[in-house]
PDB file of N, CA and C in Angstrom:
ATOM      1  N   UNK A   1      26.371   1.800 -11.651  1.00  0.00           N
ATOM      2  CA  UNK A   1      24.991   1.962 -11.215  1.00  0.00           C
ATOM      3  C   UNK A   1      24.290   0.605 -11.265  1.00  0.00           C
ATOM      4  N   UNK A   2      23.550   0.287 -10.257  1.00  0.00           N
ATOM      5  CA  UNK A   2      22.870  -1.006 -10.205  1.00  0.00           C
ATOM      6  C   UNK A   2      21.659  -1.025 -11.143  1.00  0.00           C
ATOM      7  N   UNK A   3      21.236  -2.215 -11.449  1.00  0.00           N
ATOM      8  CA  UNK A   3      20.134  -2.435 -12.379  1.00  0.00           C
ATOM      9  C   UNK A   3      18.802  -2.337 -11.644  1.00  0.00           C
ATOM     10  N   UNK A   4      17.815  -1.782 -12.340  1.00  0.00           N
ATOM     11  CA  UNK A   4      16.466  -1.750 -11.778  1.00  0.00           C
ATOM     12  C   UNK A   4      15.858  -3.140 -11.889  1.00  0.00           C
ATOM     13  N   UNK A   5      15.232  -3.566 -10.829  1.00  0.00           N
ATOM     14  CA  UNK A   5      14.598  -4.882 -10.779  1.00  0.00           C
ATOM     15  C   UNK A   5      13.127  -4.676 -10.445  1.00  0.00           C
ATOM     16  N   UNK A   6      12.310  -5.567 -10.965  1.00  0.00           N
ATOM     17  CA  UNK A   6      10.889  -5.531 -10.643  1.00  0.00           C
ATOM     18  C   UNK A   6      10.656  -6.206  -9.302  1.00  0.00           C
ATOM     19  N   UNK A   7       9.906  -5.538  -8.450  1.00  0.00           N
ATOM     20  CA  UNK A   7       9.532  -6.067  -7.135  1.00  0.00           C
ATOM     21  C   UNK A   7       8.016  -6.112  -7.037  1.00  0.00           C
ATOM     22  N   UNK A   8       7.513  -7.166  -6.471  1.00  0.00           N
ATOM     23  CA  UNK A   8       6.107  -7.267  -6.097  1.00  0.00           C
ATOM     24  C   UNK A   8       6.069  -7.047  -4.593  1.00  0.00           C
ATOM     25  N   UNK A   9       5.439  -5.963  -4.183  1.00  0.00           N
ATOM     26  CA  UNK A   9       5.362  -5.626  -2.758  1.00  0.00           C
ATOM     27  C   UNK A   9       3.906  -5.741  -2.322  1.00  0.00           C
ATOM     28  N   UNK A  10       3.687  -6.547  -1.290  1.00  0.00           N
ATOM     29  CA  UNK A  10       2.336  -6.832  -0.792  1.00  0.00           C
ATOM     30  C   UNK A  10       2.278  -6.562   0.704  1.00  0.00           C
ATOM     31  N   UNK A  11       1.111  -6.196   1.166  1.00  0.00           N
ATOM     32  CA  UNK A  11       0.972  -5.976   2.600  1.00  0.00           C
ATOM     33  C   UNK A  11      -0.381  -6.431   3.111  1.00  0.00           C
ATOM     34  N   UNK A  12      -0.422  -6.637   4.401  1.00  0.00           N
ATOM     35  CA  UNK A  12      -1.652  -6.848   5.160  1.00  0.00           C
ATOM     36  C   UNK A  12      -1.513  -5.933   6.369  1.00  0.00           C
ATOM     37  N   UNK A  13      -2.165  -4.789   6.300  1.00  0.00           N
ATOM     38  CA  UNK A  13      -2.030  -3.755   7.325  1.00  0.00           C
ATOM     39  C   UNK A  13      -3.384  -3.557   7.995  1.00  0.00           C
ATOM     40  N   UNK A  14      -3.413  -3.681   9.306  1.00  0.00           N
ATOM     41  CA  UNK A  14      -4.660  -3.702  10.066  1.00  0.00           C
ATOM     42  C   UNK A  14      -5.367  -2.349  10.139  1.00  0.00           C
ATOM     43  N   UNK A  15      -4.616  -1.274  10.232  1.00  0.00           N
ATOM     44  CA  UNK A  15      -5.175   0.052  10.490  1.00  0.00           C
ATOM     45  C   UNK A  15      -5.330   0.842   9.185  1.00  0.00           C
ATOM     46  N   UNK A  16      -6.485   1.487   9.001  1.00  0.00           N
ATOM     47  CA  UNK A  16      -6.744   2.252   7.776  1.00  0.00           C
ATOM     48  C   UNK A  16      -5.716   3.350   7.539  1.00  0.00           C
ATOM     49  N   UNK A  17      -5.373   4.087   8.580  1.00  0.00           N
ATOM     50  CA  UNK A  17      -4.431   5.203   8.433  1.00  0.00           C
ATOM     51  C   UNK A  17      -3.041   4.703   8.021  1.00  0.00           C
ATOM     52  N   UNK A  18      -2.569   3.662   8.657  1.00  0.00           N
ATOM     53  CA  UNK A  18      -1.259   3.094   8.291  1.00  0.00           C
ATOM     54  C   UNK A  18      -1.302   2.511   6.881  1.00  0.00           C
ATOM     55  N   UNK A  19      -2.409   1.864   6.544  1.00  0.00           N
ATOM     56  CA  UNK A  19      -2.567   1.273   5.215  1.00  0.00           C
ATOM     57  C   UNK A  19      -2.545   2.354   4.141  1.00  0.00           C
ATOM     58  N   UNK A  20      -3.224   3.462   4.369  1.00  0.00           N
ATOM     59  CA  UNK A  20      -3.234   4.565   3.403  1.00  0.00           C
ATOM     60  C   UNK A  20      -1.859   5.207   3.282  1.00  0.00           C
ATOM     61  N   UNK A  21      -1.144   5.331   4.384  1.00  0.00           N
ATOM     62  CA  UNK A  21       0.208   5.897   4.344  1.00  0.00           C
ATOM     63  C   UNK A  21       1.141   4.990   3.541  1.00  0.00           C
ATOM     64  N   UNK A  22       1.039   3.687   3.747  1.00  0.00           N
ATOM     65  CA  UNK A  22       1.863   2.743   2.985  1.00  0.00           C
ATOM     66  C   UNK A  22       1.507   2.801   1.501  1.00  0.00           C
ATOM     67  N   UNK A  23       0.227   2.872   1.197  1.00  0.00           N
ATOM     68  CA  UNK A  23      -0.208   2.948  -0.202  1.00  0.00           C
ATOM     69  C   UNK A  23       0.344   4.202  -0.874  1.00  0.00           C
ATOM     70  N   UNK A  24       0.302   5.334  -0.191  1.00  0.00           N
ATOM     71  CA  UNK A  24       0.845   6.578  -0.766  1.00  0.00           C
ATOM     72  C   UNK A  24       2.332   6.433  -1.076  1.00  0.00           C
ATOM     73  N   UNK A  25       3.077   5.856  -0.159  1.00  0.00           N
ATOM     74  CA  UNK A  25       4.516   5.643  -0.390  1.00  0.00           C
ATOM     75  C   UNK A  25       4.750   4.747  -1.603  1.00  0.00           C
ATOM     76  N   UNK A  26       4.031   3.651  -1.671  1.00  0.00           N
ATOM     77  CA  UNK A  26       4.233   2.703  -2.762  1.00  0.00           C
ATOM     78  C   UNK A  26       3.801   3.278  -4.109  1.00  0.00           C
ATOM     79  N   UNK A  27       2.732   4.049  -4.124  1.00  0.00           N
ATOM     80  CA  UNK A  27       2.259   4.639  -5.378  1.00  0.00           C
ATOM     81  C   UNK A  27       3.215   5.695  -5.926  1.00  0.00           C
ATOM     82  N   UNK A  28       4.070   6.247  -5.092  1.00  0.00           N
ATOM     83  CA  UNK A  28       5.095   7.187  -5.569  1.00  0.00           C
ATOM     84  C   UNK A  28       6.144   6.481  -6.420  1.00  0.00           C
ATOM     85  N   UNK A  29       6.242   5.164  -6.260  1.00  0.00           N
ATOM     86  CA  UNK A  29       7.313   4.406  -6.910  1.00  0.00           C
ATOM     87  C   UNK A  29       6.833   3.436  -7.976  1.00  0.00           C
ATOM     88  N   UNK A  30       5.573   3.063  -7.940  1.00  0.00           N
ATOM     89  CA  UNK A  30       5.104   2.052  -8.881  1.00  0.00           C
ATOM     90  C   UNK A  30       3.599   2.068  -9.027  1.00  0.00           C
ATOM     91  N   UNK A  31       3.061   0.947  -9.469  1.00  0.00           N
ATOM     92  CA  UNK A  31       1.633   0.851  -9.747  1.00  0.00           C
ATOM     93  C   UNK A  31       0.974  -0.209  -8.885  1.00  0.00           C
ATOM     94  N   UNK A  32      -0.233   0.109  -8.477  1.00  0.00           N
ATOM     95  CA  UNK A  32      -1.039  -0.853  -7.725  1.00  0.00           C
ATOM     96  C   UNK A  32      -1.602  -1.864  -8.727  1.00  0.00           C
ATOM     97  N   UNK A  33      -1.432  -3.157  -8.435  1.00  0.00           N
ATOM     98  CA  UNK A  33      -1.983  -4.195  -9.300  1.00  0.00           C
ATOM     99  C   UNK A  33      -3.133  -4.942  -8.621  1.00  0.00           C
ATOM    100  N   UNK A  34      -3.248  -4.814  -7.317  1.00  0.00           N
ATOM    101  CA  UNK A  34      -4.367  -5.307  -6.529  1.00  0.00           C
ATOM    102  C   UNK A  34      -4.509  -4.344  -5.352  1.00  0.00           C
ATOM    103  N   UNK A  35      -5.514  -4.541  -4.511  1.00  0.00           N
ATOM    104  CA  UNK A  35      -5.729  -3.602  -3.415  1.00  0.00           C
ATOM    105  C   UNK A  35      -4.518  -3.468  -2.500  1.00  0.00           C
ATOM    106  N   UNK A  36      -3.794  -4.547  -2.281  1.00  0.00           N
ATOM    107  CA  UNK A  36      -2.639  -4.482  -1.376  1.00  0.00           C
ATOM    108  C   UNK A  36      -1.375  -5.039  -2.031  1.00  0.00           C
ATOM    109  N   UNK A  37      -1.274  -4.919  -3.357  1.00  0.00           N
ATOM    110  CA  UNK A  37      -0.107  -5.426  -4.094  1.00  0.00           C
ATOM    111  C   UNK A  37       0.323  -4.400  -5.139  1.00  0.00           C
ATOM    112  N   UNK A  38       1.640  -4.195  -5.217  1.00  0.00           N
ATOM    113  CA  UNK A  38       2.211  -3.175  -6.098  1.00  0.00           C
ATOM    114  C   UNK A  38       3.373  -3.761  -6.876  1.00  0.00           C
ATOM    115  N   UNK A  39       3.488  -3.395  -8.154  1.00  0.00           N
ATOM    116  CA  UNK A  39       4.662  -3.734  -8.951  1.00  0.00           C
ATOM    117  C   UNK A  39       5.504  -2.475  -9.062  1.00  0.00           C
ATOM    118  N   UNK A  40       6.769  -2.602  -8.669  1.00  0.00           N
ATOM    119  CA  UNK A  40       7.638  -1.429  -8.588  1.00  0.00           C
ATOM    120  C   UNK A  40       9.016  -1.797  -9.117  1.00  0.00           C
ATOM    121  N   UNK A  41       9.540  -0.983 -10.025  1.00  0.00           N
ATOM    122  CA  UNK A  41      10.909  -1.161 -10.518  1.00  0.00           C
ATOM    123  C   UNK A  41      11.838  -0.295  -9.680  1.00  0.00           C
ATOM    124  N   UNK A  42      12.799  -0.928  -9.017  1.00  0.00           N
ATOM    125  CA  UNK A  42      13.715  -0.205  -8.135  1.00  0.00           C
ATOM    126  C   UNK A  42      15.123  -0.783  -8.217  1.00  0.00           C
ATOM    127  N   UNK A  43      16.092   0.085  -7.992  1.00  0.00           N
ATOM    128  CA  UNK A  43      17.462  -0.367  -7.751  1.00  0.00           C
ATOM    129  C   UNK A  43      17.533  -0.806  -6.284  1.00  0.00           C
ATOM    130  N   UNK A  44      18.544  -1.580  -5.933  1.00  0.00           N
ATOM    131  CA  UNK A  44      18.656  -2.084  -4.556  1.00  0.00           C
ATOM    132  C   UNK A  44      18.662  -0.959  -3.528  1.00  0.00           C
ATOM    133  N   UNK A  45      19.399   0.107  -3.814  1.00  0.00           N
ATOM    134  CA  UNK A  45      19.481   1.221  -2.864  1.00  0.00           C
ATOM    135  C   UNK A  45      18.117   1.903  -2.716  1.00  0.00           C
ATOM    136  N   UNK A  46      17.349   1.974  -3.802  1.00  0.00           N
ATOM    137  CA  UNK A  46      16.008   2.566  -3.745  1.00  0.00           C
ATOM    138  C   UNK A  46      15.061   1.679  -2.937  1.00  0.00           C
ATOM    139  N   UNK A  47      15.172   0.372  -3.130  1.00  0.00           N
ATOM    140  CA  UNK A  47      14.346  -0.555  -2.348  1.00  0.00           C
ATOM    141  C   UNK A  47      14.658  -0.423  -0.866  1.00  0.00           C
ATOM    142  N   UNK A  48      15.941  -0.379  -0.531  1.00  0.00           N
ATOM    143  CA  UNK A  48      16.331  -0.238   0.874  1.00  0.00           C
ATOM    144  C   UNK A  48      15.729   1.017   1.492  1.00  0.00           C
ATOM    145  N   UNK A  49      15.790   2.134   0.765  1.00  0.00           N
ATOM    146  CA  UNK A  49      15.242   3.397   1.273  1.00  0.00           C
ATOM    147  C   UNK A  49      13.729   3.306   1.440  1.00  0.00           C
ATOM    148  N   UNK A  50      13.050   2.697   0.476  1.00  0.00           N
ATOM    149  CA  UNK A  50      11.597   2.551   0.563  1.00  0.00           C
ATOM    150  C   UNK A  50      11.208   1.662   1.745  1.00  0.00           C
ATOM    151  N   UNK A  51      11.936   0.583   1.949  1.00  0.00           N
ATOM    152  CA  UNK A  51      11.621  -0.310   3.073  1.00  0.00           C
ATOM    153  C   UNK A  51      11.824   0.374   4.416  1.00  0.00           C
ATOM    154  N   UNK A  52      12.816   1.251   4.510  1.00  0.00           N
ATOM    155  CA  UNK A  52      13.017   2.025   5.745  1.00  0.00           C
ATOM    156  C   UNK A  52      11.813   2.938   5.978  1.00  0.00           C
ATOM    157  N   UNK A  53      11.345   3.604   4.924  1.00  0.00           N
ATOM    158  CA  UNK A  53      10.175   4.481   5.055  1.00  0.00           C
ATOM    159  C   UNK A  53       8.942   3.679   5.461  1.00  0.00           C
ATOM    160  N   UNK A  54       8.747   2.530   4.840  1.00  0.00           N
ATOM    161  CA  UNK A  54       7.588   1.702   5.171  1.00  0.00           C
ATOM    162  C   UNK A  54       7.665   1.164   6.593  1.00  0.00           C
ATOM    163  N   UNK A  55       8.865   0.859   7.047  1.00  0.00           N
ATOM    164  CA  UNK A  55       9.055   0.360   8.412  1.00  0.00           C
ATOM    165  C   UNK A  55       8.586   1.391   9.437  1.00  0.00           C
ATOM    166  N   UNK A  56       8.726   2.666   9.109  1.00  0.00           N
ATOM    167  CA  UNK A  56       8.290   3.734  10.010  1.00  0.00           C
ATOM    168  C   UNK A  56       6.770   3.839  10.071  1.00  0.00           C
ATOM    169  N   UNK A  57       6.088   3.316   9.050  1.00  0.00           N
ATOM    170  CA  UNK A  57       4.629   3.375   8.978  1.00  0.00           C
ATOM    171  C   UNK A  57       3.985   2.159   9.651  1.00  0.00           C
ATOM    172  N   UNK A  58       4.605   1.004   9.503  1.00  0.00           N
ATOM    173  CA  UNK A  58       4.000  -0.255   9.943  1.00  0.00           C
ATOM    174  C   UNK A  58       4.097  -0.475  11.449  1.00  0.00           C
ATOM    175  N   UNK A  59       3.160  -1.232  11.967  1.00  0.00           N
ATOM    176  CA  UNK A  59       3.221  -1.726  13.338  1.00  0.00           C
ATOM    177  C   UNK A  59       3.712  -3.171  13.256  1.00  0.00           C
ATOM    178  N   UNK A  60       4.932  -3.450  13.708  1.00  0.00           N
ATOM    179  CA  UNK A  60       5.491  -4.797  13.545  1.00  0.00           C
ATOM    180  C   UNK A  60       4.721  -5.882  14.300  1.00  0.00           C
ATOM    181  N   UNK A  61       3.899  -5.494  15.249  1.00  0.00           N
ATOM    182  CA  UNK A  61       3.103  -6.468  16.000  1.00  0.00           C
ATOM    183  C   UNK A  61       1.817  -6.859  15.271  1.00  0.00           C
ATOM    184  N   UNK A  62       1.375  -6.000  14.338  1.00  0.00           N
ATOM    185  CA  UNK A  62       0.078  -6.220  13.699  1.00  0.00           C
ATOM    186  C   UNK A  62       0.131  -6.361  12.185  1.00  0.00           C
ATOM    187  N   UNK A  63       1.128  -5.776  11.549  1.00  0.00           N
ATOM    188  CA  UNK A  63       1.156  -5.663  10.090  1.00  0.00           C
ATOM    189  C   UNK A  63       2.206  -6.578   9.465  1.00  0.00           C
ATOM    190  N   UNK A  64       1.983  -6.900   8.207  1.00  0.00           N
ATOM    191  CA  UNK A  64       2.922  -7.720   7.434  1.00  0.00           C
ATOM    192  C   UNK A  64       3.170  -7.025   6.103  1.00  0.00           C
ATOM    193  N   UNK A  65       4.429  -6.987   5.688  1.00  0.00           N
ATOM    194  CA  UNK A  65       4.793  -6.480   4.369  1.00  0.00           C
ATOM    195  C   UNK A  65       5.836  -7.423   3.787  1.00  0.00           C
ATOM    196  N   UNK A  66       5.657  -7.786   2.524  1.00  0.00           N
ATOM    197  CA  UNK A  66       6.599  -8.674   1.841  1.00  0.00           C
ATOM    198  C   UNK A  66       7.018  -8.043   0.527  1.00  0.00           C
ATOM    199  N   UNK A  67       8.292  -8.196   0.170  1.00  0.00           N
ATOM    200  CA  UNK A  67       8.815  -7.709  -1.108  1.00  0.00           C
ATOM    201  C   UNK A  67       9.439  -8.893  -1.835  1.00  0.00           C
ATOM    202  N   UNK A  68       8.898  -9.216  -3.003  1.00  0.00           N
ATOM    203  CA  UNK A  68       9.356 -10.361  -3.783  1.00  0.00           C
ATOM    204  C   UNK A  68      10.031  -9.871  -5.057  1.00  0.00           C
ATOM    205  N   UNK A  69      11.298 -10.247  -5.292  1.00  0.00           N
ATOM    206  CA  UNK A  69      11.932  -9.882  -6.555  1.00  0.00           C
ATOM    207  C   UNK A  69      11.370 -10.756  -7.677  1.00  0.00           C
ATOM    208  N   UNK A  70      11.134 -10.145  -8.834  1.00  0.00           N
ATOM    209  CA  UNK A  70      10.661 -10.894  -9.996  1.00  0.00           C
ATOM    210  C   UNK A  70      11.677 -10.736 -11.124  1.00  0.00           C
ATOM    211  N   UNK A  71      12.282 -11.839 -11.535  1.00  0.00           N
ATOM    212  CA  UNK A  71      13.235 -11.786 -12.646  1.00  0.00           C
ATOM    213  C   UNK A  71      12.462 -11.566 -13.949  1.00  0.00           C
ATOM    214  N   UNK A  72      13.172 -11.254 -15.025  1.00  0.00           N
ATOM    215  CA  UNK A  72      12.491 -10.981 -16.294  1.00  0.00           C
ATOM    216  C   UNK A  72      11.748 -12.219 -16.796  1.00  0.00           C
ATOM    217  N   UNK A  73      12.315 -13.415 -16.581  1.00  0.00           N
ATOM    218  CA  UNK A  73      11.611 -14.625 -16.998  1.00  0.00           C
ATOM    219  C   UNK A  73      10.311 -14.760 -16.214  1.00  0.00           C
ATOM    220  N   UNK A  74      10.384 -14.574 -14.895  1.00  0.00           N
ATOM    221  CA  UNK A  74       9.182 -14.664 -14.053  1.00  0.00           C
ATOM    222  C   UNK A  74       8.146 -13.633 -14.487  1.00  0.00           C
ATOM    223  N   UNK A  75       8.612 -12.440 -14.770  1.00  0.00           N
ATOM    224  CA  UNK A  75       7.716 -11.352 -15.191  1.00  0.00           C
ATOM    225  C   UNK A  75       6.946 -11.746 -16.438  1.00  0.00           C
ATOM    226  N   UNK A  76       7.634 -12.393 -17.374  1.00  0.00           N
ATOM    227  CA  UNK A  76       6.990 -12.793 -18.627  1.00  0.00           C
ATOM    228  C   UNK A  76       6.060 -13.982 -18.454  1.00  0.00           C
ATOM    229  N   UNK A  77       6.125 -14.666 -17.328  1.00  0.00           N
ATOM    230  CA  UNK A  77       5.261 -15.814 -17.069  1.00  0.00           C
ATOM    231  C   UNK A  77       3.980 -15.434 -16.325  1.00  0.00           C
ATOM    232  N   UNK A  78       3.850 -14.184 -15.936  1.00  0.00           N
ATOM    233  CA  UNK A  78       2.656 -13.740 -15.211  1.00  0.00           C
ATOM    234  C   UNK A  78       1.441 -13.859 -16.131  1.00  0.00           C
ATOM    235  N   UNK A  79       0.381 -14.435 -15.626  1.00  0.00           N
ATOM    236  CA  UNK A  79      -0.856 -14.590 -16.393  1.00  0.00           C
ATOM    237  C   UNK A  79      -1.849 -13.519 -15.957  1.00  0.00           C
ATOM    238  N   UNK A  80      -2.308 -12.740 -16.914  1.00  0.00           N
ATOM    239  CA  UNK A  80      -3.278 -11.682 -16.640  1.00  0.00           C
ATOM    240  C   UNK A  80      -4.625 -12.093 -17.212  1.00  0.00           C
ATOM    241  N   UNK A  81      -5.685 -11.820 -16.461  1.00  0.00           N
ATOM    242  CA  UNK A  81      -7.040 -12.032 -16.941  1.00  0.00           C
ATOM    243  C   UNK A  81      -7.862 -10.817 -16.561  1.00  0.00           C
ATOM    244  N   UNK A  82      -8.843 -10.509 -17.359  1.00  0.00           N
ATOM    245  CA  UNK A  82      -9.710  -9.381 -17.048  1.00  0.00           C
ATOM    246  C   UNK A  82      -9.300  -8.122 -17.779  1.00  0.00           C
ATOM    247  N   UNK A  83      -9.859  -7.019 -17.332  1.00  0.00           N
ATOM    248  CA  UNK A  83      -9.711  -5.737 -18.010  1.00  0.00           C
ATOM    249  C   UNK A  83      -8.465  -4.958 -17.621  1.00  0.00           C
ATOM    250  N   UNK A  84      -7.805  -5.363 -16.558  1.00  0.00           N
ATOM    251  CA  UNK A  84      -6.635  -4.621 -16.090  1.00  0.00           C
ATOM    252  C   UNK A  84      -5.515  -4.616 -17.117  1.00  0.00           C
ATOM    253  N   UNK A  85      -4.565  -3.726 -16.914  1.00  0.00           N
ATOM    254  CA  UNK A  85      -3.420  -3.673 -17.819  1.00  0.00           C
ATOM    255  C   UNK A  85      -2.154  -3.995 -17.045  1.00  0.00           C
ATOM    256  N   UNK A  86      -1.187  -4.511 -17.743  1.00  0.00           N
ATOM    257  CA  UNK A  86       0.091  -4.901 -17.138  1.00  0.00           C
ATOM    258  C   UNK A  86       0.970  -3.664 -16.989  1.00  0.00           C
ATOM    259  N   UNK A  87       1.391  -3.336 -15.786  1.00  0.00           N
ATOM    260  CA  UNK A  87       2.297  -2.199 -15.601  1.00  0.00           C
ATOM    261  C   UNK A  87       3.636  -2.456 -16.286  1.00  0.00           C
ATOM    262  N   UNK A  88       4.205  -1.417 -16.859  1.00  0.00           N
ATOM    263  CA  UNK A  88       5.497  -1.517 -17.529  1.00  0.00           C
ATOM    264  C   UNK A  88       6.516  -0.656 -16.808  1.00  0.00           C
ATOM    265  N   UNK A  89       7.785  -0.967 -17.009  1.00  0.00           N
ATOM    266  CA  UNK A  89       8.872  -0.165 -16.443  1.00  0.00           C
ATOM    267  C   UNK A  89       8.912   1.155 -17.192  1.00  0.00           C
ATOM    268  N   UNK A  90       8.660   2.281 -16.501  1.00  0.00           N
ATOM    269  CA  UNK A  90       8.664   3.568 -17.192  1.00  0.00           C
ATOM    270  C   UNK A  90      10.074   4.032 -17.544  1.00  0.00           C
ATOM    271  N   UNK A  91      11.086   3.406 -16.972  1.00  0.00           N
ATOM    272  CA  UNK A  91      12.452   3.835 -17.238  1.00  0.00           C
ATOM    273  C   UNK A  91      12.850   5.033 -16.393  1.00  0.00           C
ATOM    274  N   UNK A  92      11.872   5.810 -15.965  1.00  0.00           N
ATOM    275  CA  UNK A  92      12.111   6.985 -15.133  1.00  0.00           C
ATOM    276  C   UNK A  92      10.798   7.349 -14.454  1.00  0.00           C
ATOM    277  N   UNK A  93      10.892   8.185 -13.435  1.00  0.00           N
ATOM    278  CA  UNK A  93       9.706   8.727 -12.769  1.00  0.00           C
ATOM    279  C   UNK A  93       9.847  10.233 -12.725  1.00  0.00           C
ATOM    280  N   UNK A  94       8.796  10.935 -13.104  1.00  0.00           N
ATOM    281  CA  UNK A  94       8.809  12.389 -13.033  1.00  0.00           C
ATOM    282  C   UNK A  94       8.503  12.808 -11.609  1.00  0.00           C
ATOM    283  N   UNK A  95       9.314  13.722 -11.089  1.00  0.00           N
ATOM    284  CA  UNK A  95       9.130  14.210  -9.724  1.00  0.00           C
ATOM    285  C   UNK A  95       8.712  15.665  -9.787  1.00  0.00           C
ATOM    286  N   UNK A  96       7.651  15.999  -9.029  1.00  0.00           N
ATOM    287  CA  UNK A  96       7.212  17.382  -8.938  1.00  0.00           C
ATOM    288  C   UNK A  96       6.326  17.763  -9.988  1.00  0.00           C
TER     289      UNK A  96
END
């Protein structure tokens, strides 16, 4: 079984409906850390499946989506300021 890796997924989506659909998909897998940025722990196969779903939502002529892998060292170097909290790997997700 492959290892779960932290991904930072960000988007710039022009249309409200497409943006909300993408947000719903991403929130099923991780936590929103900014309006258009999510931290999500996924195995490679899970990331591939999520990207296929997101591809069906996006307009490739107008929208941009990026997925950045964050290693554990990089994760520990993130600087947080303000009242927000740092999302943690839940180890599992409850479905239903």
